[in-house]
Amino acid sequence: MTLSAYIWLTIIALLGVLFAFLWLKVAQAKKQIATYQQIAERLKQQQAAAQAQIKNYQEKTKNEENSRSVSRDDVVDRLQQAGDLRNE
């Protein structure tokens, strides 16, 4: 073979190695993206759960404030109106 043939084979081999290297990097990037997407989804679920807990706590606090401001007579009257109070 001539010198130019060796140069062409070297160039082709280097391009093959470069292509393989880029192929591996793209595969690694795809795996990393999939991992980050799973993490993002898990964080969204955790955020939704935290928001639900906050809403439940706020509702509980509101209900406790309302229950403190209601007198015993008001409770009895409401139960009688709803038919939930037994007459003994």
N, C-alpha and C. Protein backbone atom coordinates (compact mmCIF):
# COMPACT_ATOMS: atom_id res chain seq x y z
N MET A 1 0.84 -1.18 0.00
CA MET A 1 0.00 0.00 0.00
C MET A 1 0.88 1.24 0.00
N THR A 2 0.30 2.25 -0.50
CA THR A 2 1.05 3.51 -0.56
C THR A 2 0.82 4.31 0.70
N LEU A 3 1.57 5.36 0.82
CA LEU A 3 1.46 6.24 1.99
C LEU A 3 0.09 6.90 2.07
N SER A 4 -0.46 7.29 0.94
CA SER A 4 -1.77 7.94 0.95
C SER A 4 -2.87 6.96 1.38
N ALA A 5 -2.74 5.69 1.08
CA ALA A 5 -3.72 4.70 1.52
C ALA A 5 -3.68 4.56 3.03
N TYR A 6 -2.49 4.56 3.62
CA TYR A 6 -2.38 4.51 5.08
C TYR A 6 -2.98 5.76 5.73
N ILE A 7 -2.78 6.87 5.10
CA ILE A 7 -3.37 8.12 5.63
C ILE A 7 -4.88 8.04 5.59
N TRP A 8 -5.44 7.55 4.48
CA TRP A 8 -6.90 7.43 4.38
C TRP A 8 -7.44 6.41 5.39
N LEU A 9 -6.76 5.30 5.57
CA LEU A 9 -7.20 4.31 6.56
C LEU A 9 -7.13 4.88 7.97
N THR A 10 -6.11 5.67 8.24
CA THR A 10 -5.98 6.31 9.55
C THR A 10 -7.11 7.30 9.77
N ILE A 11 -7.42 8.08 8.76
CA ILE A 11 -8.52 9.05 8.86
C ILE A 11 -9.84 8.33 9.08
N ILE A 12 -10.08 7.26 8.34
CA ILE A 12 -11.33 6.49 8.49
C ILE A 12 -11.40 5.87 9.89
N ALA A 13 -10.28 5.34 10.37
CA ALA A 13 -10.27 4.75 11.72
C ALA A 13 -10.54 5.82 12.78
N LEU A 14 -9.93 6.98 12.62
CA LEU A 14 -10.16 8.07 13.58
C LEU A 14 -11.61 8.54 13.55
N LEU A 15 -12.18 8.62 12.37
CA LEU A 15 -13.60 9.00 12.26
C LEU A 15 -14.49 7.94 12.91
N GLY A 16 -14.13 6.66 12.74
CA GLY A 16 -14.89 5.58 13.38
C GLY A 16 -14.83 5.68 14.89
N VAL A 17 -13.64 5.95 15.42
CA VAL A 17 -13.48 6.10 16.87
C VAL A 17 -14.26 7.31 17.36
N LEU A 18 -14.20 8.41 16.61
CA LEU A 18 -14.94 9.61 16.99
C LEU A 18 -16.45 9.35 16.98
N PHE A 19 -16.92 8.64 15.95
CA PHE A 19 -18.34 8.30 15.87
C PHE A 19 -18.77 7.43 17.05
N ALA A 20 -17.95 6.43 17.38
CA ALA A 20 -18.27 5.55 18.52
C ALA A 20 -18.29 6.34 19.82
N PHE A 21 -17.33 7.24 19.99
CA PHE A 21 -17.27 8.07 21.20
C PHE A 21 -18.52 8.94 21.32
N LEU A 22 -18.90 9.58 20.22
CA LEU A 22 -20.11 10.43 20.24
C LEU A 22 -21.36 9.59 20.48
N TRP A 23 -21.41 8.40 19.92
CA TRP A 23 -22.55 7.50 20.13
C TRP A 23 -22.70 7.17 21.62
N LEU A 24 -21.58 6.86 22.27
CA LEU A 24 -21.61 6.55 23.70
C LEU A 24 -22.04 7.77 24.52
N LYS A 25 -21.55 8.94 24.17
CA LYS A 25 -21.91 10.15 24.90
C LYS A 25 -23.40 10.45 24.76
N VAL A 26 -23.95 10.25 23.58
CA VAL A 26 -25.38 10.47 23.37
C VAL A 26 -26.18 9.46 24.20
N ALA A 27 -25.75 8.22 24.24
CA ALA A 27 -26.45 7.20 25.04
C ALA A 27 -26.41 7.56 26.52
N GLN A 28 -25.26 8.03 26.99
CA GLN A 28 -25.15 8.44 28.39
C GLN A 28 -26.05 9.64 28.68
N ALA A 29 -26.11 10.58 27.74
CA ALA A 29 -26.95 11.76 27.93
C ALA A 29 -28.43 11.36 27.99
N LYS A 30 -28.83 10.41 27.15
CA LYS A 30 -30.23 9.95 27.18
C LYS A 30 -30.57 9.31 28.52
N LYS A 31 -29.64 8.51 29.05
CA LYS A 31 -29.87 7.89 30.36
C LYS A 31 -29.99 8.96 31.44
N GLN A 32 -29.12 9.95 31.38
CA GLN A 32 -29.14 11.02 32.37
C GLN A 32 -30.44 11.82 32.28
N ILE A 33 -30.90 12.09 31.08
CA ILE A 33 -32.16 12.82 30.89
C ILE A 33 -33.32 12.01 31.47
N ALA A 34 -33.34 10.71 31.22
CA ALA A 34 -34.40 9.85 31.76
C ALA A 34 -34.38 9.87 33.29
N THR A 35 -33.19 9.84 33.86
CA THR A 35 -33.06 9.89 35.32
C THR A 35 -33.60 11.21 35.86
N TYR A 36 -33.23 12.30 35.21
CA TYR A 36 -33.70 13.62 35.66
C TYR A 36 -35.21 13.76 35.50
N GLN A 37 -35.77 13.16 34.47
CA GLN A 37 -37.22 13.21 34.29
C GLN A 37 -37.93 12.44 35.41
N GLN A 38 -37.37 11.31 35.81
CA GLN A 38 -37.95 10.55 36.92
C GLN A 38 -37.87 11.34 38.21
N ILE A 39 -36.75 12.00 38.43
CA ILE A 39 -36.59 12.82 39.64
C ILE A 39 -37.59 13.97 39.62
N ALA A 40 -37.76 14.61 38.47
CA ALA A 40 -38.71 15.72 38.35
C ALA A 40 -40.14 15.25 38.63
N GLU A 41 -40.49 14.09 38.11
CA GLU A 41 -41.84 13.55 38.35
C GLU A 41 -42.05 13.24 39.83
N ARG A 42 -41.04 12.65 40.46
CA ARG A 42 -41.14 12.35 41.89
C ARG A 42 -41.27 13.63 42.71
N LEU A 43 -40.53 14.67 42.32
CA LEU A 43 -40.62 15.95 43.04
C LEU A 43 -41.99 16.60 42.85
N LYS A 44 -42.58 16.46 41.66
CA LYS A 44 -43.92 16.99 41.44
C LYS A 44 -44.93 16.28 42.34
N GLN A 45 -44.78 14.96 42.47
CA GLN A 45 -45.69 14.21 43.34
C GLN A 45 -45.52 14.62 44.80
N GLN A 46 -44.27 14.81 45.22
CA GLN A 46 -44.02 15.24 46.59
C GLN A 46 -44.57 16.64 46.83
N GLN A 47 -44.45 17.51 45.83
CA GLN A 47 -44.98 18.86 45.96
C GLN A 47 -46.50 18.83 46.08
N ALA A 48 -47.15 17.99 45.28
CA ALA A 48 -48.60 17.88 45.36
C ALA A 48 -49.03 17.36 46.73
N ALA A 49 -48.30 16.40 47.26
CA ALA A 49 -48.62 15.88 48.59
C ALA A 49 -48.41 16.95 49.66
N ALA A 50 -47.34 17.72 49.53
CA ALA A 50 -47.08 18.79 50.50
C ALA A 50 -48.16 19.86 50.42
N GLN A 51 -48.60 20.21 49.22
CA GLN A 51 -49.66 21.20 49.06
C GLN A 51 -50.97 20.70 49.69
N ALA A 52 -51.25 19.41 49.52
CA ALA A 52 -52.45 18.84 50.13
C ALA A 52 -52.36 18.89 51.65
N GLN A 53 -51.18 18.61 52.20
CA GLN A 53 -51.01 18.68 53.65
C GLN A 53 -51.19 20.11 54.15
N ILE A 54 -50.67 21.07 53.41
CA ILE A 54 -50.83 22.48 53.80
C ILE A 54 -52.30 22.86 53.78
N LYS A 55 -53.00 22.47 52.73
CA LYS A 55 -54.42 22.80 52.62
C LYS A 55 -55.21 22.14 53.76
N ASN A 56 -54.89 20.88 54.06
CA ASN A 56 -55.57 20.19 55.15
C ASN A 56 -55.31 20.86 56.49
N TYR A 57 -54.07 21.29 56.71
CA TYR A 57 -53.73 21.97 57.96
C TYR A 57 -54.47 23.30 58.07
N GLN A 58 -54.55 24.05 56.97
CA GLN A 58 -55.26 25.32 57.00
C GLN A 58 -56.74 25.10 57.28
N GLU A 59 -57.32 24.08 56.67
CA GLU A 59 -58.74 23.77 56.90
C GLU A 59 -58.96 23.35 58.35
N LYS A 60 -58.04 22.55 58.88
CA LYS A 60 -58.15 22.11 60.28
C LYS A 60 -58.08 23.31 61.22
N THR A 61 -57.15 24.22 60.94
CA THR A 61 -57.01 25.41 61.77
C THR A 61 -58.28 26.26 61.73
N LYS A 62 -58.82 26.42 60.53
CA LYS A 62 -60.06 27.19 60.37
C LYS A 62 -61.21 26.53 61.14
N ASN A 63 -61.31 25.21 61.03
CA ASN A 63 -62.37 24.49 61.74
C ASN A 63 -62.21 24.60 63.26
N GLU A 64 -60.97 24.54 63.73
CA GLU A 64 -60.74 24.68 65.17
C GLU A 64 -61.11 26.08 65.65
N GLU A 65 -60.80 27.10 64.87
CA GLU A 65 -61.17 28.46 65.25
C GLU A 65 -62.69 28.61 65.28
N ASN A 66 -63.36 28.01 64.30
CA ASN A 66 -64.83 28.09 64.27
C ASN A 66 -65.43 27.34 65.45
N SER A 67 -64.85 26.21 65.82
CA SER A 67 -65.42 25.42 66.91
C SER A 67 -65.20 26.11 68.26
N ARG A 68 -64.13 26.88 68.39
CA ARG A 68 -63.90 27.61 69.64
C ARG A 68 -64.88 28.76 69.81
N SER A 69 -65.32 29.34 68.70
CA SER A 69 -66.19 30.51 68.79
C SER A 69 -67.66 30.13 68.95
N VAL A 70 -68.00 28.86 68.83
CA VAL A 70 -69.39 28.42 68.94
C VAL A 70 -69.68 28.03 70.38
N SER A 71 -70.80 28.52 70.90
CA SER A 71 -71.16 28.19 72.28
C SER A 71 -71.89 26.84 72.33
N ARG A 72 -72.05 26.33 73.54
CA ARG A 72 -72.72 25.05 73.73
C ARG A 72 -74.17 25.12 73.27
N ASP A 73 -74.84 26.21 73.56
CA ASP A 73 -76.24 26.35 73.15
C ASP A 73 -76.39 26.36 71.63
N ASP A 74 -75.44 27.00 70.94
CA ASP A 74 -75.49 27.01 69.48
C ASP A 74 -75.33 25.60 68.92
N VAL A 75 -74.45 24.83 69.53
CA VAL A 75 -74.24 23.45 69.08
C VAL A 75 -75.51 22.63 69.29
N VAL A 76 -76.14 22.77 70.44
CA VAL A 76 -77.37 22.03 70.73
C VAL A 76 -78.47 22.44 69.75
N ASP A 77 -78.60 23.75 69.49
CA ASP A 77 -79.61 24.22 68.54
C ASP A 77 -79.38 23.65 67.14
N ARG A 78 -78.14 23.62 66.70
CA ARG A 78 -77.83 23.09 65.37
C ARG A 78 -78.12 21.60 65.30
N LEU A 79 -77.79 20.87 66.35
CA LEU A 79 -78.07 19.44 66.37
C LEU A 79 -79.57 19.18 66.35
N GLN A 80 -80.34 19.98 67.08
CA GLN A 80 -81.79 19.80 67.09
C GLN A 80 -82.37 20.12 65.72
N GLN A 81 -81.88 21.15 65.07
CA GLN A 81 -82.38 21.51 63.73
C GLN A 81 -82.06 20.42 62.71
N ALA A 82 -80.93 19.79 62.86
CA ALA A 82 -80.53 18.74 61.93
C ALA A 82 -81.18 17.40 62.27
N GLY A 83 -81.80 17.32 63.43
CA GLY A 83 -82.43 16.07 63.85
C GLY A 83 -81.44 15.06 64.38
N ASP A 84 -80.26 15.51 64.77
CA ASP A 84 -79.23 14.60 65.26
C ASP A 84 -79.19 14.52 66.78
N LEU A 85 -80.02 15.28 67.46
CA LEU A 85 -79.99 15.30 68.92
C LEU A 85 -81.18 14.51 69.44
N ARG A 86 -80.90 13.57 70.32
CA ARG A 86 -81.98 12.79 70.91
C ARG A 86 -82.59 13.56 72.07
N ASN A 87 -83.88 13.53 72.17
CA ASN A 87 -84.56 14.16 73.30
C ASN A 87 -84.67 13.14 74.42
N GLU A 88 -84.01 13.42 75.51
CA GLU A 88 -84.06 12.47 76.62
C GLU A 88 -84.69 13.12 77.81
